[in-house]
Amino acid sequence: MKIAKITGLDKTIESVCSSQPDKVVACKSPAAELSRANLDCFQQSYGFKINPLLDEEKRYEVLEMLFRYKTVFAQDLTKIKACKGKPLELA
C-alpha cells in the first residue's frame, strides 16, 4: 500500500490522509495557500539558503515544501525539544 509519493519538484507533493481499498484521499497542503511574500518571510526568518541558480518557480516550490515540514527545523537552540524516545547507548 502506498502512503505517499514524491514525483519531483515539478509536480505537487501530497501525503495521504486516509486509505481504503480502491480509494485514497490526499491531504491539502496549507503551503499552497501561502503568498510568495509569506514564503519569503519564512525563508528569511529560518535563514534557508536556496541555490540562486533555481528559477523563481522552483525556488517557491522548495520553500513550500520546507514550510510544509517546518516543524522539523529549529530557528535557534532554544527551540530544540527533548527527544521522547529511549536514549541511545553506544557500545
Protein backbone atom coordinates (compact mmCIF):
# COMPACT_ATOMS: atom_id res chain seq x y z
CA MET A 1 0.00 0.00 0.00
CA LYS A 2 1.41 3.40 -0.97
CA ILE A 3 1.06 6.12 1.65
CA ALA A 4 2.95 8.91 -0.12
CA LYS A 5 4.61 9.62 -3.41
CA ILE A 6 7.12 12.30 -4.42
CA THR A 7 7.22 12.72 -8.15
CA GLY A 8 9.75 15.53 -8.34
CA LEU A 9 9.78 19.27 -7.76
CA ASP A 10 7.88 19.90 -10.99
CA LYS A 11 4.81 18.13 -9.54
CA THR A 12 2.74 18.58 -6.40
CA ILE A 13 3.91 16.62 -3.38
CA GLU A 14 0.98 15.23 -1.45
CA SER A 15 0.57 12.98 1.53
CA VAL A 16 -2.25 10.56 2.02
CA CYS A 17 -4.78 11.36 4.76
CA SER A 18 -6.71 8.13 4.52
CA SER A 19 -6.70 4.98 2.50
CA GLN A 20 -9.31 2.32 1.84
CA PRO A 21 -9.38 -0.35 -0.85
CA ASP A 22 -9.63 1.41 -4.21
CA LYS A 23 -9.89 4.85 -2.59
CA VAL A 24 -7.15 7.24 -1.46
CA VAL A 25 -7.84 10.72 -0.05
CA ALA A 26 -4.99 13.22 -0.43
CA CYS A 27 -4.35 15.95 2.13
CA LYS A 28 -4.47 19.56 1.01
CA SER A 29 -1.25 21.43 1.53
CA PRO A 30 -1.50 24.51 3.76
CA ALA A 31 1.55 25.84 1.91
CA ALA A 32 -0.48 26.05 -1.30
CA GLU A 33 -2.48 28.89 0.25
CA LEU A 34 0.60 30.94 1.19
CA SER A 35 1.57 34.02 -0.73
CA ARG A 36 5.08 34.42 -2.09
CA ALA A 37 5.61 37.30 0.36
CA ASN A 38 4.80 34.94 3.25
CA LEU A 39 7.20 32.34 1.87
CA ASP A 40 9.93 35.00 1.54
CA CYS A 41 9.41 35.98 5.21
CA PHE A 42 9.52 32.31 6.20
CA GLN A 43 12.82 31.86 4.33
CA GLN A 44 14.32 34.93 5.94
CA SER A 45 13.21 34.01 9.48
CA TYR A 46 14.63 30.48 9.23
CA GLY A 47 17.72 31.53 7.29
CA PHE A 48 17.37 28.97 4.49
CA LYS A 49 19.89 29.42 1.69
CA ILE A 50 18.42 28.25 -1.60
CA ASN A 51 20.55 27.77 -4.68
CA PRO A 52 20.39 31.03 -6.68
CA LEU A 53 20.55 29.03 -9.93
CA LEU A 54 16.97 27.78 -9.41
CA ASP A 55 14.36 29.67 -11.36
CA GLU A 56 11.72 31.56 -9.38
CA GLU A 57 9.03 28.86 -9.76
CA LYS A 58 11.31 26.08 -8.47
CA ARG A 59 12.51 28.30 -5.61
CA TYR A 60 8.95 28.76 -4.38
CA GLU A 61 8.24 25.03 -4.73
CA VAL A 62 11.23 24.36 -2.46
CA LEU A 63 10.01 26.99 0.02
CA GLU A 64 6.52 25.46 0.05
CA MET A 65 8.00 22.04 0.83
CA LEU A 66 10.20 23.48 3.60
CA PHE A 67 7.18 25.29 5.04
CA ARG A 68 5.11 22.10 4.97
CA TYR A 69 7.76 20.38 7.13
CA LYS A 70 8.77 23.41 9.20
CA THR A 71 8.17 21.53 12.46
CA VAL A 72 11.42 19.60 11.92
CA PHE A 73 13.52 22.78 11.84
CA ALA A 74 14.64 24.96 14.74
CA GLN A 75 15.35 28.67 14.39
CA ASP A 76 17.79 28.53 17.30
CA LEU A 77 18.94 26.13 20.04
CA THR A 78 16.21 27.24 22.43
CA LYS A 79 13.58 25.81 20.04
CA ILE A 80 15.01 22.26 20.16
CA LYS A 81 12.90 19.97 22.32
CA ALA A 82 13.97 16.85 24.22
CA CYS A 83 13.62 13.56 22.39
CA LYS A 84 10.83 11.37 23.77
CA GLY A 85 12.45 8.10 22.69
CA LYS A 86 14.79 5.86 24.63
CA PRO A 87 18.37 7.12 24.98
CA LEU A 88 20.84 5.69 22.50
CA GLU A 89 23.52 3.51 24.08
CA LEU A 90 26.78 3.23 22.19
CA ALA A 91 28.85 0.15 22.90
